[in-house]
Protein backbone atom coordinates (compact mmCIF):
# COMPACT_ATOMS: atom_id res chain seq x y z
CA MET A 1 -39.18 3.38 11.83
CA LYS A 2 -37.93 1.86 8.42
CA ALA A 3 -37.90 3.66 5.31
CA ARG A 4 -36.21 3.90 1.93
CA VAL A 5 -34.76 6.81 -0.08
CA MET A 6 -36.43 8.20 -2.77
CA ARG A 7 -34.72 11.45 -3.36
CA SER A 8 -31.77 13.26 -2.38
CA THR A 9 -30.97 16.98 -2.79
CA GLY A 10 -27.99 17.45 -0.53
CA SER A 11 -29.46 18.51 2.34
CA PHE A 12 -32.73 16.89 2.40
CA TYR A 13 -33.62 13.34 1.88
CA ASP A 14 -37.20 12.53 0.59
CA VAL A 15 -38.13 8.98 2.23
CA LEU A 16 -41.01 6.58 2.00
CA ALA A 17 -41.74 4.76 5.52
CA GLU A 18 -42.99 1.28 6.23
CA ASP A 19 -46.16 3.29 7.34
CA GLY A 20 -46.59 4.28 3.69
CA GLN A 21 -46.10 7.75 4.11
CA ARG A 22 -43.39 10.34 2.78
CA TYR A 23 -41.07 12.41 5.01
CA ALA A 24 -38.93 14.75 4.18
CA CYS A 25 -35.36 14.01 6.45
CA ARG A 26 -31.94 15.02 7.35
CA MET A 27 -29.37 12.82 8.17
CA ARG A 28 -28.41 12.95 11.73
CA GLY A 29 -24.63 13.25 12.59
CA LYS A 30 -22.18 11.66 9.92
CA ILE A 31 -23.07 8.37 8.41
CA ARG A 32 -20.28 6.96 7.10
CA LEU A 33 -19.35 3.40 5.17
CA ASP A 34 -16.32 1.53 6.08
CA GLU A 35 -13.51 1.96 3.64
CA ILE A 36 -15.36 3.69 0.97
CA LYS A 37 -14.80 7.23 0.00
CA GLU A 38 -18.09 8.51 -1.35
CA THR A 39 -19.37 11.66 -2.18
CA ASN A 40 -22.81 10.85 -0.78
CA PRO A 41 -23.10 8.35 1.97
CA VAL A 42 -26.78 7.94 1.69
CA ALA A 43 -28.19 7.48 -1.77
CA VAL A 44 -31.53 6.71 -3.27
CA GLY A 45 -32.37 3.29 -2.56
CA ASP A 46 -30.97 3.06 0.49
CA GLU A 47 -32.70 1.72 3.42
CA VAL A 48 -32.72 3.60 6.59
CA LYS A 49 -33.81 4.00 10.07
CA ILE A 50 -35.80 7.19 10.72
CA GLU A 51 -36.91 9.33 13.77
CA LEU A 52 -39.62 11.70 13.11
CA GLU A 53 -39.22 15.24 14.70
CA HIS A 54 -41.17 18.09 14.16
CA GLU A 55 -41.54 19.43 10.97
CA TYR A 56 -38.81 16.87 9.41
CA GLY A 57 -37.51 13.50 10.50
CA SER A 58 -34.07 12.31 10.71
CA ILE A 59 -31.76 9.80 9.36
CA VAL A 60 -30.41 7.86 12.29
CA GLU A 61 -28.90 4.55 10.79
CA LEU A 62 -28.01 3.22 7.16
CA LEU A 63 -28.87 -0.20 6.70
CA PRO A 64 -26.64 -2.69 4.79
CA ARG A 65 -26.95 -2.45 0.93
CA GLN A 66 -27.70 -5.60 -1.10
CA ASN A 67 -25.76 -3.81 -3.71
CA HIS A 68 -24.85 -0.23 -5.35
CA ILE A 69 -23.95 1.21 -8.53
CA LEU A 70 -20.92 3.66 -8.48
CA ARG A 71 -19.23 5.86 -10.75
CA GLN A 72 -16.39 8.09 -10.50
CA SER A 73 -16.92 11.20 -8.85
CA VAL A 74 -16.45 14.06 -11.51
CA LYS A 75 -15.98 16.59 -8.39
CA ARG A 76 -13.72 15.00 -6.47
CA THR A 77 -10.56 12.83 -7.51
CA GLY A 78 -10.50 9.45 -5.49
CA HIS A 79 -13.88 9.51 -4.51
CA ALA A 80 -16.90 7.65 -5.69
CA HIS A 81 -20.53 8.62 -6.12
CA VAL A 82 -23.29 6.18 -5.36
CA LEU A 83 -26.15 6.84 -8.46
CA ALA A 84 -28.49 4.06 -6.44
CA ALA A 85 -28.48 1.25 -3.95
CA ASN A 86 -30.05 -1.85 -3.61
CA VAL A 87 -31.47 -2.42 -7.37
CA ASP A 88 -32.63 -5.79 -9.28
CA GLN A 89 -31.47 -4.91 -12.44
CA VAL A 90 -30.02 -1.75 -14.47
CA VAL A 91 -31.57 -0.42 -17.82
CA LEU A 92 -29.19 1.70 -20.17
CA ILE A 93 -30.87 3.55 -22.77
CA ALA A 94 -28.68 3.92 -25.81
CA THR A 95 -28.99 5.42 -29.29
CA VAL A 96 -26.59 5.06 -32.39
CA LYS A 97 -27.17 8.62 -33.73
CA GLN A 98 -28.57 11.97 -32.52
CA PRO A 99 -26.91 11.42 -30.10
CA ARG A 100 -24.14 8.31 -30.42
CA THR A 101 -23.56 6.27 -27.17
CA SER A 102 -20.29 4.80 -27.56
CA LEU A 103 -19.42 0.88 -26.86
CA GLY A 104 -16.91 2.34 -24.39
CA PHE A 105 -19.75 3.98 -22.48
CA ILE A 106 -22.22 1.01 -22.51
CA ASP A 107 -19.27 -1.29 -21.78
CA ARG A 108 -18.38 0.68 -18.42
CA PHE A 109 -21.66 0.64 -17.24
CA LEU A 110 -22.23 -2.93 -17.93
CA VAL A 111 -18.76 -3.71 -15.79
CA ALA A 112 -20.08 -1.53 -13.42
CA ALA A 113 -23.24 -3.49 -12.72
CA GLU A 114 -21.67 -6.76 -13.20
CA SER A 115 -19.19 -6.21 -10.28
CA PHE A 116 -22.36 -6.40 -8.03
CA ARG A 117 -23.94 -8.95 -10.51
CA ILE A 118 -26.71 -6.88 -10.92
CA PRO A 119 -28.73 -7.86 -14.30
CA GLN A 120 -28.16 -5.63 -17.17
CA ILE A 121 -30.46 -4.57 -20.18
CA VAL A 122 -29.51 -1.98 -22.99
CA VAL A 123 -32.15 -0.70 -24.71
CA PHE A 124 -31.66 0.99 -28.11
CA ASN A 125 -33.96 3.63 -28.28
CA LYS A 126 -35.27 5.91 -31.22
CA LYS A 127 -36.45 2.88 -33.64
CA ASP A 128 -38.50 5.51 -35.62
CA LEU A 129 -35.91 8.12 -36.60
CA LEU A 130 -32.99 5.25 -37.81
CA SER A 131 -32.73 4.16 -41.89
CA GLU A 132 -32.42 0.61 -42.29
CA GLU A 133 -28.77 0.87 -42.60
CA TRP A 134 -28.68 2.10 -38.80
CA ALA A 135 -31.41 -0.42 -37.84
CA ASN A 136 -28.80 -3.00 -39.21
CA GLU A 137 -26.22 -1.80 -36.68
CA VAL A 138 -28.59 -1.89 -33.95
CA ALA A 139 -29.05 -5.60 -34.96
CA GLN A 140 -25.53 -5.99 -34.80
CA LEU A 141 -24.97 -4.33 -31.14
CA GLN A 142 -27.84 -6.39 -30.05
CA ALA A 143 -26.43 -9.98 -30.96
CA LEU A 144 -22.88 -8.97 -29.52
CA TYR A 145 -24.44 -7.75 -26.27
CA GLU A 146 -26.90 -10.75 -26.34
CA ASN A 147 -24.28 -13.27 -27.01
CA ILE A 148 -22.60 -12.02 -23.45
CA GLY A 149 -25.68 -12.61 -21.75
CA VAL A 150 -27.11 -9.00 -21.81
CA LYS A 151 -30.69 -8.52 -22.46
CA THR A 152 -31.46 -5.97 -25.66
CA PHE A 153 -34.44 -4.39 -26.74
CA PHE A 154 -34.64 -1.62 -29.83
CA ILE A 155 -37.76 0.44 -29.42
CA SER A 156 -39.44 3.89 -29.88
CA ALA A 157 -39.96 5.63 -27.01
CA LEU A 158 -43.32 6.76 -28.81
CA SER A 159 -44.61 3.24 -29.89
CA ASP A 160 -47.36 2.12 -27.79
CA ASP A 161 -46.16 -1.85 -28.41
CA ASP A 162 -42.92 -0.75 -27.16
CA LEU A 163 -44.15 0.62 -24.09
CA ILE A 164 -46.18 -2.08 -23.05
CA ARG A 165 -42.82 -4.33 -23.60
CA MET A 166 -40.60 -2.21 -21.19
CA GLN A 167 -43.84 -1.84 -18.80
CA SER A 168 -43.49 -5.76 -18.48
CA LEU A 169 -39.80 -5.60 -18.07
CA LEU A 170 -40.01 -3.17 -15.06
CA GLN A 171 -43.04 -4.97 -13.09
CA HIS A 172 -42.15 -6.28 -9.80
CA LYS A 173 -38.32 -4.71 -9.30
CA ILE A 174 -36.38 -1.73 -8.81
CA THR A 175 -34.99 -1.07 -12.13
CA LEU A 176 -32.50 2.08 -12.35
CA VAL A 177 -32.77 3.82 -15.66
CA ALA A 178 -29.52 5.46 -17.24
CA GLY A 179 -28.16 7.16 -20.02
CA HIS A 180 -26.58 9.87 -21.64
CA SER A 181 -28.68 13.29 -22.38
CA GLY A 182 -30.83 13.38 -25.41
CA VAL A 183 -31.39 9.35 -25.89
CA GLY A 184 -35.09 9.60 -24.85
CA LYS A 185 -34.84 8.56 -21.06
CA SER A 186 -37.24 11.28 -19.89
CA THR A 187 -39.61 10.64 -22.90
CA LEU A 188 -39.78 6.89 -22.12
CA LEU A 189 -40.29 7.51 -18.66
CA ASN A 190 -42.48 9.97 -18.66
CA ARG A 191 -44.87 7.60 -20.86
CA LEU A 192 -44.28 4.75 -18.07
CA ALA A 193 -45.48 6.44 -15.38
CA PRO A 194 -47.02 9.72 -16.26
CA ALA A 195 -49.06 10.07 -12.82
CA GLN A 196 -45.91 9.64 -11.17
CA ILE A 197 -42.79 11.22 -13.20
CA GLN A 198 -43.30 14.87 -14.63
CA GLN A 199 -39.91 15.74 -16.18
CA THR A 200 -39.18 18.19 -19.15
CA THR A 201 -37.82 16.93 -22.24
CA GLY A 202 -34.94 18.61 -23.79
CA GLU A 203 -33.92 19.13 -27.17
CA ILE A 204 -30.69 18.28 -28.70
CA SER A 205 -28.09 20.82 -28.96
CA ASP A 206 -27.63 21.96 -32.52
CA HIS A 207 -24.18 22.54 -31.76
CA SER A 208 -22.86 19.43 -29.94
CA ASN A 209 -25.33 16.81 -31.00
CA LYS A 210 -25.98 15.80 -27.49
CA GLY A 211 -29.14 16.34 -25.13
CA THR A 212 -29.36 19.23 -22.69
CA HIS A 213 -29.86 17.77 -19.09
CA THR A 214 -33.26 17.13 -17.70
CA THR A 215 -32.67 15.60 -14.63
CA THR A 216 -30.78 16.89 -11.69
CA PHE A 217 -31.05 14.50 -8.77
CA ALA A 218 -31.63 10.73 -8.98
CA GLU A 219 -34.92 9.81 -8.27
CA MET A 220 -37.16 7.19 -7.33
CA PHE A 221 -40.62 6.48 -8.50
CA GLN A 222 -43.21 4.13 -7.40
CA LEU A 223 -45.52 2.68 -10.07
CA ASN A 224 -47.13 0.14 -8.00
CA THR A 225 -46.68 -1.65 -4.28
CA GLU A 226 -43.49 -3.48 -5.71
CA THR A 227 -42.74 -1.79 -8.92
CA PHE A 228 -39.93 1.21 -8.42
CA ILE A 229 -38.01 3.17 -11.52
CA ILE A 230 -34.78 5.20 -10.68
CA ASP A 231 -34.24 7.94 -12.83
CA THR A 232 -30.65 9.46 -13.25
CA PRO A 233 -29.17 12.56 -14.58
CA GLY A 234 -28.05 12.05 -18.08
CA ILE A 235 -24.31 11.29 -17.56
CA LYS A 236 -21.77 12.05 -20.09
CA GLU A 237 -19.04 9.97 -18.58
CA TRP A 238 -18.58 6.86 -16.48
CA GLY A 239 -15.56 6.43 -14.45
CA LEU A 240 -15.05 2.98 -12.85
CA VAL A 241 -13.83 2.99 -9.08
CA ALA A 242 -12.38 0.89 -6.62
CA MET A 243 -11.19 -1.56 -9.11
CA GLU A 244 -8.14 -3.46 -9.18
CA GLU A 245 -6.45 -4.20 -13.06
CA GLN A 246 -5.98 -7.56 -12.30
CA GLU A 247 -10.22 -8.32 -11.53
CA ILE A 248 -11.60 -5.95 -14.22
CA SER A 249 -11.74 -9.06 -16.63
CA ASP A 250 -13.85 -10.67 -13.84
CA TYR A 251 -16.27 -8.23 -15.01
CA PHE A 252 -16.46 -9.34 -18.58
CA PRO A 253 -18.53 -12.55 -18.74
CA GLU A 254 -16.97 -13.72 -22.10
CA MET A 255 -13.46 -13.09 -20.34
CA ARG A 256 -14.06 -14.43 -16.89
CA ASP A 257 -14.82 -18.03 -18.17
CA LEU A 258 -11.62 -18.01 -19.81
CA ARG A 259 -9.13 -16.48 -17.75
CA ASN A 260 -7.92 -19.50 -15.90
CA ASP A 261 -7.06 -20.63 -19.29
CA CYS A 262 -4.06 -18.27 -19.25
CA LYS A 263 -0.57 -19.27 -18.59
CA PHE A 264 -0.66 -16.81 -15.64
CA ALA A 265 -4.17 -17.35 -14.71
CA ARG A 266 -5.24 -15.04 -12.20
CA SER A 267 -2.35 -12.51 -12.61
CA CYS A 268 -2.52 -12.14 -16.32
CA LEU A 269 -3.61 -8.96 -17.70
CA HIS A 270 -4.20 -10.06 -21.28
CA ILE A 271 -2.19 -7.32 -22.50
CA ASN A 272 1.37 -8.71 -23.34
CA GLU A 273 1.81 -11.75 -21.75
CA PRO A 274 2.38 -15.12 -23.23
CA ARG A 275 -0.21 -17.95 -23.94
CA CYS A 276 -3.12 -15.99 -23.16
CA ALA A 277 -6.46 -17.30 -23.39
CA ILE A 278 -8.19 -14.02 -23.91
CA LYS A 279 -6.26 -12.98 -26.33
CA ASP A 280 -6.39 -15.80 -28.64
CA ALA A 281 -10.11 -15.63 -28.42
CA VAL A 282 -10.14 -11.92 -29.55
CA GLU A 283 -7.90 -13.52 -32.66
CA ALA A 284 -10.48 -16.22 -33.01
CA GLY A 285 -12.92 -13.48 -33.39
CA THR A 286 -15.41 -15.43 -30.05
CA ILE A 287 -14.34 -12.33 -28.14
CA ALA A 288 -15.92 -9.19 -29.77
CA PHE A 289 -12.87 -6.62 -30.75
CA SER A 290 -14.50 -3.73 -29.60
CA ARG A 291 -14.87 -5.36 -25.77
CA TYR A 292 -11.55 -6.22 -26.04
CA GLU A 293 -10.69 -2.53 -26.73
CA SER A 294 -13.31 -1.29 -24.01
CA TYR A 295 -11.59 -3.44 -21.93
CA LEU A 296 -7.86 -2.30 -22.63
CA SER A 297 -9.23 1.48 -22.00
CA MET A 298 -10.33 0.31 -18.66
CA VAL A 299 -6.86 -1.30 -17.23
CA GLY A 300 -4.87 1.18 -19.34
CA GLY A 301 -6.50 3.99 -17.14
CA GLN A 302 -9.78 4.26 -15.16
CA ASP A 303 -9.33 8.22 -16.27
CA ASN A 304 -10.47 7.28 -19.86
CA ARG A 305 -14.22 7.82 -19.40
CA LYS A 306 -15.86 7.47 -22.84
């Protein structure tokens, strides 16, 4: 019987089967993905085949993935951690203060999604707490990301009107939602699906100005027949994995269209090479300098995970 993984706690997997029932399953034997080192070979969102046995079911086969979102494992060097698989879009909840989401973190998240051509949305939260000066900074960031094809929204998780906008955004899709702890992700998700999601929101730490972790495992929630949300643990840093230096600029849309105009085309790293179309675009202001800085940090060392 086919099923979709809704939650993984390491030992057990909660799955939603094609008969509409949920089952707790163990993994039978070892399931590995060819040529990919992953700490969790079965992830939330994976489609699997199961067999029912007494109290529990068994996952007997992992079906091919449409895509997945990877980040560097924080526990095992050289390994990847799959946040989720088979998603239609990703939403990053960000804030410009209390806490501040760095542009480097945003860009790494976008690159990870773009590497699988997964549509990306950046939602700037806490509109109700920001002064006009901070709101103007958000507007500038929205313009920056909208210019490269990323949808953005500026919301308050406490606003009913903004809630309606977010509900419309999620309909008929499988959406992964991520962000630093403290950006209001759990508050927003609790309001989007109060009957399905019962998370405990955390307070901002007075010492670190960062939020406390309120989600331990990634989990998928079903809002209706065709709408699913994947909630992820608060992420402190985002390390890229399984990317060659030469391919990273392919995942910056504003660079991808220009790189063939470089003198050295596909082999150009856009750092010190002569007649580089991307460096020229940065100098001309058609590629944002902050985006170029993020690119350099990714090429210069993927252990730099701001």
